[in-house]
Amino acid sequence: MRKFSVIFLILSLILVTAIIKNSTKRIDDEIFVIEESLRDLKKDLENIKLEYEYLSSAEKLLKFQEKYFDNELIKKDIKEIKIIEKEADQLIIKKLKLNNN
């Protein structure tokens, strides 16, 4: 009887170890996939940030204006900008509301 309980205990420990090992491997695989996805997303974010900062800098915008638009672009006073909305087949013109910080 004692041999049977020792053998049963050893077999149950082996089974539990195998189950834990398999679940740990599955979790490690999921973590690896998520980390790879995050790595790709971080790389895309860095590229988009670089592109945004490069294209939206004031110096670059002025160079693009000179290069591509010559005198087609004119400065507008921000108070002259209006919002056009369409409601029930009518156009409604509203003033642009600015937050003064």
PDB file of N, CA and C in Angstrom:
ATOM      1  N   MET A   1       0.825  -1.193   0.000  1.00  0.00           N
ATOM      2  CA  MET A   1       0.000   0.000   0.000  1.00  0.00           C
ATOM      3  C   MET A   1       0.873   1.262   0.000  1.00  0.00           C
ATOM      4  N   ARG A   2       1.951   1.167   0.736  1.00  0.00           N
ATOM      5  CA  ARG A   2       2.829   2.319   0.820  1.00  0.00           C
ATOM      6  C   ARG A   2       3.537   2.570  -0.509  1.00  0.00           C
ATOM      7  N   LYS A   3       3.941   1.494  -1.209  1.00  0.00           N
ATOM      8  CA  LYS A   3       4.576   1.643  -2.502  1.00  0.00           C
ATOM      9  C   LYS A   3       3.598   2.281  -3.497  1.00  0.00           C
ATOM     10  N   PHE A   4       2.357   1.838  -3.419  1.00  0.00           N
ATOM     11  CA  PHE A   4       1.338   2.378  -4.330  1.00  0.00           C
ATOM     12  C   PHE A   4       1.160   3.885  -4.117  1.00  0.00           C
ATOM     13  N   SER A   5       1.108   4.344  -2.867  1.00  0.00           N
ATOM     14  CA  SER A   5       0.950   5.775  -2.603  1.00  0.00           C
ATOM     15  C   SER A   5       2.177   6.564  -3.044  1.00  0.00           C
ATOM     16  N   VAL A   6       3.380   6.011  -2.890  1.00  0.00           N
ATOM     17  CA  VAL A   6       4.582   6.710  -3.319  1.00  0.00           C
ATOM     18  C   VAL A   6       4.605   6.818  -4.845  1.00  0.00           C
ATOM     19  N   ILE A   7       4.274   5.742  -5.528  1.00  0.00           N
ATOM     20  CA  ILE A   7       4.235   5.758  -6.996  1.00  0.00           C
ATOM     21  C   ILE A   7       3.158   6.732  -7.479  1.00  0.00           C
ATOM     22  N   PHE A   8       1.997   6.704  -6.848  1.00  0.00           N
ATOM     23  CA  PHE A   8       0.919   7.634  -7.219  1.00  0.00           C
ATOM     24  C   PHE A   8       1.345   9.089  -6.997  1.00  0.00           C
ATOM     25  N   LEU A   9       2.020   9.353  -5.905  1.00  0.00           N
ATOM     26  CA  LEU A   9       2.493  10.709  -5.614  1.00  0.00           C
ATOM     27  C   LEU A   9       3.510  11.167  -6.666  1.00  0.00           C
ATOM     28  N   ILE A  10       4.438  10.282  -7.022  1.00  0.00           N
ATOM     29  CA  ILE A  10       5.450  10.635  -8.019  1.00  0.00           C
ATOM     30  C   ILE A  10       4.796  10.889  -9.369  1.00  0.00           C
ATOM     31  N   LEU A  11       3.883  10.029  -9.780  1.00  0.00           N
ATOM     32  CA  LEU A  11       3.206  10.212 -11.063  1.00  0.00           C
ATOM     33  C   LEU A  11       2.363  11.494 -11.082  1.00  0.00           C
ATOM     34  N   SER A  12       1.689  11.781  -9.985  1.00  0.00           N
ATOM     35  CA  SER A  12       0.891  13.014  -9.937  1.00  0.00           C
ATOM     36  C   SER A  12       1.788  14.249  -9.981  1.00  0.00           C
ATOM     37  N   LEU A  13       2.957  14.199  -9.322  1.00  0.00           N
ATOM     38  CA  LEU A  13       3.902  15.312  -9.389  1.00  0.00           C
ATOM     39  C   LEU A  13       4.438  15.498 -10.804  1.00  0.00           C
ATOM     40  N   ILE A  14       4.719  14.404 -11.509  1.00  0.00           N
ATOM     41  CA  ILE A  14       5.182  14.489 -12.899  1.00  0.00           C
ATOM     42  C   ILE A  14       4.090  15.095 -13.778  1.00  0.00           C
ATOM     43  N   LEU A  15       2.861  14.670 -13.582  1.00  0.00           N
ATOM     44  CA  LEU A  15       1.735  15.185 -14.368  1.00  0.00           C
ATOM     45  C   LEU A  15       1.520  16.677 -14.106  1.00  0.00           C
ATOM     46  N   VAL A  16       1.538  17.076 -12.852  1.00  0.00           N
ATOM     47  CA  VAL A  16       1.357  18.488 -12.508  1.00  0.00           C
ATOM     48  C   VAL A  16       2.511  19.325 -13.078  1.00  0.00           C
ATOM     49  N   THR A  17       3.723  18.802 -13.013  1.00  0.00           N
ATOM     50  CA  THR A  17       4.876  19.514 -13.568  1.00  0.00           C
ATOM     51  C   THR A  17       4.726  19.687 -15.077  1.00  0.00           C
ATOM     52  N   ALA A  18       4.273  18.641 -15.762  1.00  0.00           N
ATOM     53  CA  ALA A  18       4.089  18.725 -17.208  1.00  0.00           C
ATOM     54  C   ALA A  18       3.014  19.752 -17.563  1.00  0.00           C
ATOM     55  N   ILE A  19       1.930  19.781 -16.823  1.00  0.00           N
ATOM     56  CA  ILE A  19       0.851  20.751 -17.081  1.00  0.00           C
ATOM     57  C   ILE A  19       1.349  22.173 -16.853  1.00  0.00           C
ATOM     58  N   ILE A  20       2.049  22.376 -15.765  1.00  0.00           N
ATOM     59  CA  ILE A  20       2.588  23.718 -15.467  1.00  0.00           C
ATOM     60  C   ILE A  20       3.593  24.141 -16.532  1.00  0.00           C
ATOM     61  N   LYS A  21       4.441  23.207 -16.963  1.00  0.00           N
ATOM     62  CA  LYS A  21       5.442  23.524 -17.979  1.00  0.00           C
ATOM     63  C   LYS A  21       4.769  23.904 -19.295  1.00  0.00           C
ATOM     64  N   ASN A  22       3.742  23.165 -19.708  1.00  0.00           N
ATOM     65  CA  ASN A  22       3.045  23.477 -20.952  1.00  0.00           C
ATOM     66  C   ASN A  22       2.326  24.819 -20.881  1.00  0.00           C
ATOM     67  N   SER A  23       1.684  25.110 -19.768  1.00  0.00           N
ATOM     68  CA  SER A  23       0.981  26.393 -19.655  1.00  0.00           C
ATOM     69  C   SER A  23       1.982  27.555 -19.612  1.00  0.00           C
ATOM     70  N   THR A  24       3.120  27.345 -18.970  1.00  0.00           N
ATOM     71  CA  THR A  24       4.148  28.375 -18.935  1.00  0.00           C
ATOM     72  C   THR A  24       4.709  28.629 -20.329  1.00  0.00           C
ATOM     73  N   LYS A  25       4.921  27.560 -21.106  1.00  0.00           N
ATOM     74  CA  LYS A  25       5.422  27.730 -22.467  1.00  0.00           C
ATOM     75  C   LYS A  25       4.405  28.479 -23.325  1.00  0.00           C
ATOM     76  N   ARG A  26       3.131  28.183 -23.172  1.00  0.00           N
ATOM     77  CA  ARG A  26       2.079  28.872 -23.927  1.00  0.00           C
ATOM     78  C   ARG A  26       2.051  30.363 -23.561  1.00  0.00           C
ATOM     79  N   ILE A  27       2.172  30.657 -22.279  1.00  0.00           N
ATOM     80  CA  ILE A  27       2.185  32.055 -21.838  1.00  0.00           C
ATOM     81  C   ILE A  27       3.429  32.771 -22.373  1.00  0.00           C
ATOM     82  N   ASP A  28       4.583  32.093 -22.356  1.00  0.00           N
ATOM     83  CA  ASP A  28       5.805  32.692 -22.907  1.00  0.00           C
ATOM     84  C   ASP A  28       5.649  32.993 -24.398  1.00  0.00           C
ATOM     85  N   ASP A  29       5.012  32.089 -25.142  1.00  0.00           N
ATOM     86  CA  ASP A  29       4.777  32.322 -26.567  1.00  0.00           C
ATOM     87  C   ASP A  29       3.873  33.531 -26.783  1.00  0.00           C
ATOM     88  N   GLU A  30       2.834  33.659 -25.983  1.00  0.00           N
ATOM     89  CA  GLU A  30       1.933  34.803 -26.094  1.00  0.00           C
ATOM     90  C   GLU A  30       2.672  36.111 -25.765  1.00  0.00           C
ATOM     91  N   ILE A  31       3.496  36.082 -24.747  1.00  0.00           N
ATOM     92  CA  ILE A  31       4.278  37.267 -24.380  1.00  0.00           C
ATOM     93  C   ILE A  31       5.223  37.647 -25.512  1.00  0.00           C
ATOM     94  N   PHE A  32       5.861  36.663 -26.137  1.00  0.00           N
ATOM     95  CA  PHE A  32       6.768  36.934 -27.242  1.00  0.00           C
ATOM     96  C   PHE A  32       6.028  37.589 -28.407  1.00  0.00           C
ATOM     97  N   VAL A  33       4.855  37.079 -28.757  1.00  0.00           N
ATOM     98  CA  VAL A  33       4.075  37.645 -29.857  1.00  0.00           C
ATOM     99  C   VAL A  33       3.676  39.086 -29.543  1.00  0.00           C
ATOM    100  N   ILE A  34       3.252  39.337 -28.317  1.00  0.00           N
ATOM    101  CA  ILE A  34       2.845  40.687 -27.929  1.00  0.00           C
ATOM    102  C   ILE A  34       4.043  41.631 -27.940  1.00  0.00           C
ATOM    103  N   GLU A  35       5.202  41.177 -27.457  1.00  0.00           N
ATOM    104  CA  GLU A  35       6.396  42.022 -27.470  1.00  0.00           C
ATOM    105  C   GLU A  35       6.823  42.354 -28.897  1.00  0.00           C
ATOM    106  N   GLU A  36       6.730  41.396 -29.805  1.00  0.00           N
ATOM    107  CA  GLU A  36       7.059  41.659 -31.209  1.00  0.00           C
ATOM    108  C   GLU A  36       6.101  42.677 -31.802  1.00  0.00           C
ATOM    109  N   SER A  37       4.846  42.541 -31.477  1.00  0.00           N
ATOM    110  CA  SER A  37       3.853  43.494 -31.971  1.00  0.00           C
ATOM    111  C   SER A  37       4.139  44.885 -31.421  1.00  0.00           C
ATOM    112  N   LEU A  38       4.460  44.969 -30.148  1.00  0.00           N
ATOM    113  CA  LEU A  38       4.794  46.256 -29.538  1.00  0.00           C
ATOM    114  C   LEU A  38       6.045  46.861 -30.165  1.00  0.00           C
ATOM    115  N   ARG A  39       7.024  46.035 -30.450  1.00  0.00           N
ATOM    116  CA  ARG A  39       8.260  46.513 -31.070  1.00  0.00           C
ATOM    117  C   ARG A  39       7.956  47.136 -32.439  1.00  0.00           C
ATOM    118  N   ASP A  40       7.107  46.473 -33.226  1.00  0.00           N
ATOM    119  CA  ASP A  40       6.722  47.014 -34.527  1.00  0.00           C
ATOM    120  C   ASP A  40       5.949  48.317 -34.381  1.00  0.00           C
ATOM    121  N   LEU A  41       5.034  48.357 -33.411  1.00  0.00           N
ATOM    122  CA  LEU A  41       4.246  49.570 -33.202  1.00  0.00           C
ATOM    123  C   LEU A  41       5.120  50.735 -32.724  1.00  0.00           C
ATOM    124  N   LYS A  42       6.093  50.454 -31.861  1.00  0.00           N
ATOM    125  CA  LYS A  42       7.001  51.504 -31.392  1.00  0.00           C
ATOM    126  C   LYS A  42       7.826  52.050 -32.546  1.00  0.00           C
ATOM    127  N   LYS A  43       8.269  51.153 -33.424  1.00  0.00           N
ATOM    128  CA  LYS A  43       9.046  51.586 -34.587  1.00  0.00           C
ATOM    129  C   LYS A  43       8.190  52.476 -35.496  1.00  0.00           C
ATOM    130  N   ASP A  44       6.948  52.063 -35.731  1.00  0.00           N
ATOM    131  CA  ASP A  44       6.038  52.876 -36.540  1.00  0.00           C
ATOM    132  C   ASP A  44       5.789  54.232 -35.881  1.00  0.00           C
ATOM    133  N   LEU A  45       5.607  54.240 -34.564  1.00  0.00           N
ATOM    134  CA  LEU A  45       5.366  55.494 -33.846  1.00  0.00           C
ATOM    135  C   LEU A  45       6.561  56.435 -33.977  1.00  0.00           C
ATOM    136  N   GLU A  46       7.767  55.904 -33.845  1.00  0.00           N
ATOM    137  CA  GLU A  46       8.959  56.739 -33.980  1.00  0.00           C
ATOM    138  C   GLU A  46       9.051  57.329 -35.388  1.00  0.00           C
ATOM    139  N   ASN A  47       8.745  56.524 -36.400  1.00  0.00           N
ATOM    140  CA  ASN A  47       8.788  57.025 -37.774  1.00  0.00           C
ATOM    141  C   ASN A  47       7.738  58.101 -38.012  1.00  0.00           C
ATOM    142  N   ILE A  48       6.551  57.908 -37.474  1.00  0.00           N
ATOM    143  CA  ILE A  48       5.481  58.888 -37.644  1.00  0.00           C
ATOM    144  C   ILE A  48       5.809  60.170 -36.896  1.00  0.00           C
ATOM    145  N   LYS A  49       6.370  60.056 -35.690  1.00  0.00           N
ATOM    146  CA  LYS A  49       6.772  61.254 -34.940  1.00  0.00           C
ATOM    147  C   LYS A  49       7.829  62.039 -35.695  1.00  0.00           C
ATOM    148  N   LEU A  50       8.813  61.324 -36.239  1.00  0.00           N
ATOM    149  CA  LEU A  50       9.875  61.983 -36.993  1.00  0.00           C
ATOM    150  C   LEU A  50       9.292  62.691 -38.212  1.00  0.00           C
ATOM    151  N   GLU A  51       8.418  62.015 -38.918  1.00  0.00           N
ATOM    152  CA  GLU A  51       7.797  62.621 -40.097  1.00  0.00           C
ATOM    153  C   GLU A  51       6.972  63.842 -39.706  1.00  0.00           C
ATOM    154  N   TYR A  52       6.212  63.744 -38.630  1.00  0.00           N
ATOM    155  CA  TYR A  52       5.384  64.869 -38.188  1.00  0.00           C
ATOM    156  C   TYR A  52       6.247  66.063 -37.798  1.00  0.00           C
ATOM    157  N   GLU A  53       7.283  65.808 -37.002  1.00  0.00           N
ATOM    158  CA  GLU A  53       8.151  66.897 -36.553  1.00  0.00           C
ATOM    159  C   GLU A  53       8.908  67.520 -37.719  1.00  0.00           C
ATOM    160  N   TYR A  54       9.299  66.703 -38.674  1.00  0.00           N
ATOM    161  CA  TYR A  54      10.041  67.225 -39.822  1.00  0.00           C
ATOM    162  C   TYR A  54       9.130  68.068 -40.704  1.00  0.00           C
ATOM    163  N   LEU A  55       7.933  67.571 -40.979  1.00  0.00           N
ATOM    164  CA  LEU A  55       7.042  68.268 -41.903  1.00  0.00           C
ATOM    165  C   LEU A  55       6.339  69.453 -41.261  1.00  0.00           C
ATOM    166  N   SER A  56       6.152  69.443 -39.953  1.00  0.00           N
ATOM    167  CA  SER A  56       5.364  70.503 -39.339  1.00  0.00           C
ATOM    168  C   SER A  56       6.219  71.616 -38.725  1.00  0.00           C
ATOM    169  N   SER A  57       7.520  71.534 -38.846  1.00  0.00           N
ATOM    170  CA  SER A  57       8.333  72.616 -38.296  1.00  0.00           C
ATOM    171  C   SER A  57       8.116  73.877 -39.121  1.00  0.00           C
ATOM    172  N   ALA A  58       8.181  75.015 -38.478  1.00  0.00           N
ATOM    173  CA  ALA A  58       7.898  76.290 -39.140  1.00  0.00           C
ATOM    174  C   ALA A  58       8.869  76.544 -40.285  1.00  0.00           C
ATOM    175  N   GLU A  59      10.124  76.211 -40.092  1.00  0.00           N
ATOM    176  CA  GLU A  59      11.111  76.431 -41.149  1.00  0.00           C
ATOM    177  C   GLU A  59      10.781  75.599 -42.380  1.00  0.00           C
ATOM    178  N   LYS A  60      10.413  74.338 -42.161  1.00  0.00           N
ATOM    179  CA  LYS A  60      10.085  73.469 -43.286  1.00  0.00           C
ATOM    180  C   LYS A  60       8.841  73.961 -44.011  1.00  0.00           C
ATOM    181  N   LEU A  61       7.841  74.397 -43.251  1.00  0.00           N
ATOM    182  CA  LEU A  61       6.626  74.891 -43.887  1.00  0.00           C
ATOM    183  C   LEU A  61       6.915  76.124 -44.740  1.00  0.00           C
ATOM    184  N   LEU A  62       7.785  76.998 -44.241  1.00  0.00           N
ATOM    185  CA  LEU A  62       8.147  78.178 -45.035  1.00  0.00           C
ATOM    186  C   LEU A  62       8.922  77.788 -46.293  1.00  0.00           C
ATOM    187  N   LYS A  63       9.790  76.797 -46.185  1.00  0.00           N
ATOM    188  CA  LYS A  63      10.525  76.329 -47.361  1.00  0.00           C
ATOM    189  C   LYS A  63       9.573  75.701 -48.377  1.00  0.00           C
ATOM    190  N   PHE A  64       8.608  74.909 -47.894  1.00  0.00           N
ATOM    191  CA  PHE A  64       7.632  74.310 -48.808  1.00  0.00           C
ATOM    192  C   PHE A  64       6.796  75.380 -49.484  1.00  0.00           C
ATOM    193  N   GLN A  65       6.435  76.416 -48.734  1.00  0.00           N
ATOM    194  CA  GLN A  65       5.654  77.505 -49.318  1.00  0.00           C
ATOM    195  C   GLN A  65       6.442  78.170 -50.435  1.00  0.00           C
ATOM    196  N   GLU A  66       7.704  78.477 -50.173  1.00  0.00           N
ATOM    197  CA  GLU A  66       8.528  79.135 -51.188  1.00  0.00           C
ATOM    198  C   GLU A  66       8.746  78.232 -52.397  1.00  0.00           C
ATOM    199  N   LYS A  67       8.933  76.944 -52.138  1.00  0.00           N
ATOM    200  CA  LYS A  67       9.269  76.022 -53.215  1.00  0.00           C
ATOM    201  C   LYS A  67       8.063  75.678 -54.085  1.00  0.00           C
ATOM    202  N   TYR A  68       6.926  75.413 -53.460  1.00  0.00           N
ATOM    203  CA  TYR A  68       5.792  74.877 -54.206  1.00  0.00           C
ATOM    204  C   TYR A  68       4.673  75.885 -54.473  1.00  0.00           C
ATOM    205  N   PHE A  69       4.481  76.846 -53.598  1.00  0.00           N
ATOM    206  CA  PHE A  69       3.308  77.706 -53.718  1.00  0.00           C
ATOM    207  C   PHE A  69       3.634  79.144 -54.124  1.00  0.00           C
ATOM    208  N   ASP A  70       4.881  79.522 -54.148  1.00  0.00           N
ATOM    209  CA  ASP A  70       5.300  80.882 -54.489  1.00  0.00           C
ATOM    210  C   ASP A  70       4.460  81.902 -53.735  1.00  0.00           C
ATOM    211  N   ASN A  71       3.589  82.617 -54.433  1.00  0.00           N
ATOM    212  CA  ASN A  71       2.783  83.655 -53.780  1.00  0.00           C
ATOM    213  C   ASN A  71       1.321  83.254 -53.662  1.00  0.00           C
ATOM    214  N   GLU A  72       1.017  81.979 -53.778  1.00  0.00           N
ATOM    215  CA  GLU A  72      -0.370  81.531 -53.701  1.00  0.00           C
ATOM    216  C   GLU A  72      -0.905  81.544 -52.268  1.00  0.00           C
ATOM    217  N   LEU A  73      -0.036  81.392 -51.298  1.00  0.00           N
ATOM    218  CA  LEU A  73      -0.467  81.377 -49.898  1.00  0.00           C
ATOM    219  C   LEU A  73      -0.362  82.770 -49.314  1.00  0.00           C
ATOM    220  N   ILE A  74      -1.405  83.154 -48.601  1.00  0.00           N
ATOM    221  CA  ILE A  74      -1.402  84.459 -47.950  1.00  0.00           C
ATOM    222  C   ILE A  74      -1.712  84.269 -46.473  1.00  0.00           C
ATOM    223  N   LYS A  75      -1.244  85.195 -45.678  1.00  0.00           N
ATOM    224  CA  LYS A  75      -1.516  85.122 -44.247  1.00  0.00           C
ATOM    225  C   LYS A  75      -2.925  85.626 -43.980  1.00  0.00           C
ATOM    226  N   LYS A  76      -3.612  84.937 -43.061  1.00  0.00           N
ATOM    227  CA  LYS A  76      -4.958  85.327 -42.647  1.00  0.00           C
ATOM    228  C   LYS A  76      -4.946  85.595 -41.157  1.00  0.00           C
ATOM    229  N   ASP A  77      -5.731  86.575 -40.759  1.00  0.00           N
ATOM    230  CA  ASP A  77      -5.912  86.819 -39.337  1.00  0.00           C
ATOM    231  C   ASP A  77      -6.802  85.716 -38.795  1.00  0.00           C
ATOM    232  N   ILE A  78      -6.437  85.157 -37.671  1.00  0.00           N
ATOM    233  CA  ILE A  78      -7.177  84.026 -37.122  1.00  0.00           C
ATOM    234  C   ILE A  78      -8.620  84.399 -36.778  1.00  0.00           C
ATOM    235  N   LYS A  79      -8.885  85.669 -36.551  1.00  0.00           N
ATOM    236  CA  LYS A  79     -10.235  86.113 -36.229  1.00  0.00           C
ATOM    237  C   LYS A  79     -11.142  86.100 -37.457  1.00  0.00           C
ATOM    238  N   GLU A  80     -10.555  86.044 -38.646  1.00  0.00           N
ATOM    239  CA  GLU A  80     -11.338  86.017 -39.872  1.00  0.00           C
ATOM    240  C   GLU A  80     -11.799  84.605 -40.240  1.00  0.00           C
ATOM    241  N   ILE A  81     -11.273  83.600 -39.574  1.00  0.00           N
ATOM    242  CA  ILE A  81     -11.616  82.213 -39.893  1.00  0.00           C
ATOM    243  C   ILE A  81     -12.999  81.899 -39.340  1.00  0.00           C
ATOM    244  N   LYS A  82     -13.832  81.284 -40.173  1.00  0.00           N
ATOM    245  CA  LYS A  82     -15.200  80.941 -39.790  1.00  0.00           C
ATOM    246  C   LYS A  82     -15.406  79.445 -39.980  1.00  0.00           C
ATOM    247  N   ILE A  83     -16.413  78.920 -39.320  1.00  0.00           N
ATOM    248  CA  ILE A  83     -16.774  77.511 -39.433  1.00  0.00           C
ATOM    249  C   ILE A  83     -18.085  77.427 -40.207  1.00  0.00           C
ATOM    250  N   ILE A  84     -18.101  76.569 -41.222  1.00  0.00           N
ATOM    251  CA  ILE A  84     -19.321  76.382 -42.017  1.00  0.00           C
ATOM    252  C   ILE A  84     -19.880  75.004 -41.668  1.00  0.00           C
ATOM    253  N   GLU A  85     -21.143  74.997 -41.248  1.00  0.00           N
ATOM    254  CA  GLU A  85     -21.807  73.735 -40.915  1.00  0.00           C
ATOM    255  C   GLU A  85     -23.063  73.598 -41.767  1.00  0.00           C
ATOM    256  N   LYS A  86     -23.398  72.358 -42.093  1.00  0.00           N
ATOM    257  CA  LYS A  86     -24.596  72.107 -42.888  1.00  0.00           C
ATOM    258  C   LYS A  86     -25.625  71.426 -41.993  1.00  0.00           C
ATOM    259  N   GLU A  87     -26.751  72.087 -41.829  1.00  0.00           N
ATOM    260  CA  GLU A  87     -27.834  71.540 -41.015  1.00  0.00           C
ATOM    261  C   GLU A  87     -29.126  71.667 -41.795  1.00  0.00           C
ATOM    262  N   ALA A  88     -29.775  70.566 -42.027  1.00  0.00           N
ATOM    263  CA  ALA A  88     -31.079  70.538 -42.708  1.00  0.00           C
ATOM    264  C   ALA A  88     -31.024  71.315 -44.026  1.00  0.00           C
ATOM    265  N   ASP A  89     -30.079  70.984 -44.873  1.00  0.00           N
ATOM    266  CA  ASP A  89     -29.912  71.606 -46.194  1.00  0.00           C
ATOM    267  C   ASP A  89     -29.677  73.107 -46.130  1.00  0.00           C
ATOM    268  N   GLN A  90     -29.166  73.612 -45.032  1.00  0.00           N
ATOM    269  CA  GLN A  90     -28.814  75.020 -44.912  1.00  0.00           C
ATOM    270  C   GLN A  90     -27.378  75.127 -44.427  1.00  0.00           C
ATOM    271  N   LEU A  91     -26.691  76.113 -44.921  1.00  0.00           N
ATOM    272  CA  LEU A  91     -25.327  76.365 -44.477  1.00  0.00           C
ATOM    273  C   LEU A  91     -25.353  77.414 -43.374  1.00  0.00           C
ATOM    274  N   ILE A  92     -24.722  77.098 -42.266  1.00  0.00           N
ATOM    275  CA  ILE A  92     -24.666  78.011 -41.127  1.00  0.00           C
ATOM    276  C   ILE A  92     -23.208  78.398 -40.918  1.00  0.00           C
ATOM    277  N   ILE A  93     -22.944  79.682 -40.879  1.00  0.00           N
ATOM    278  CA  ILE A  93     -21.582  80.188 -40.695  1.00  0.00           C
ATOM    279  C   ILE A  93     -21.435  80.680 -39.256  1.00  0.00           C
ATOM    280  N   LYS A  94     -20.439  80.118 -38.560  1.00  0.00           N
ATOM    281  CA  LYS A  94     -20.189  80.486 -37.165  1.00  0.00           C
ATOM    282  C   LYS A  94     -18.769  80.987 -37.033  1.00  0.00           C
ATOM    283  N   LYS A  95     -18.548  81.787 -36.013  1.00  0.00           N
ATOM    284  CA  LYS A  95     -17.190  82.257 -35.732  1.00  0.00           C
ATOM    285  C   LYS A  95     -16.399  81.144 -35.072  1.00  0.00           C
ATOM    286  N   LEU A  96     -15.103  81.163 -35.313  1.00  0.00           N
ATOM    287  CA  LEU A  96     -14.207  80.212 -34.692  1.00  0.00           C
ATOM    288  C   LEU A  96     -13.986  80.627 -33.235  1.00  0.00           C
ATOM    289  N   LYS A  97     -14.238  79.705 -32.316  1.00  0.00           N
ATOM    290  CA  LYS A  97     -14.048  80.015 -30.891  1.00  0.00           C
ATOM    291  C   LYS A  97     -12.643  79.591 -30.491  1.00  0.00           C
ATOM    292  N   LEU A  98     -11.918  80.503 -29.889  1.00  0.00           N
ATOM    293  CA  LEU A  98     -10.551  80.236 -29.446  1.00  0.00           C
ATOM    294  C   LEU A  98     -10.489  80.193 -27.929  1.00  0.00           C
ATOM    295  N   ASN A  99      -9.686  79.307 -27.412  1.00  0.00           N
ATOM    296  CA  ASN A  99      -9.442  79.249 -25.985  1.00  0.00           C
ATOM    297  C   ASN A  99      -8.198  80.054 -25.678  1.00  0.00           C
ATOM    298  N   ASN A 100      -8.328  81.061 -24.886  1.00  0.00           N
ATOM    299  CA  ASN A 100      -7.170  81.875 -24.502  1.00  0.00           C
ATOM    300  C   ASN A 100      -6.559  81.289 -23.246  1.00  0.00           C
ATOM    301  N   ASN A 101      -5.348  80.807 -23.390  1.00  0.00           N
ATOM    302  CA  ASN A 101      -4.665  80.204 -22.229  1.00  0.00           C
ATOM    303  C   ASN A 101      -3.619  81.137 -21.704  1.00  0.00           C
TER     304      ASN A 101
END
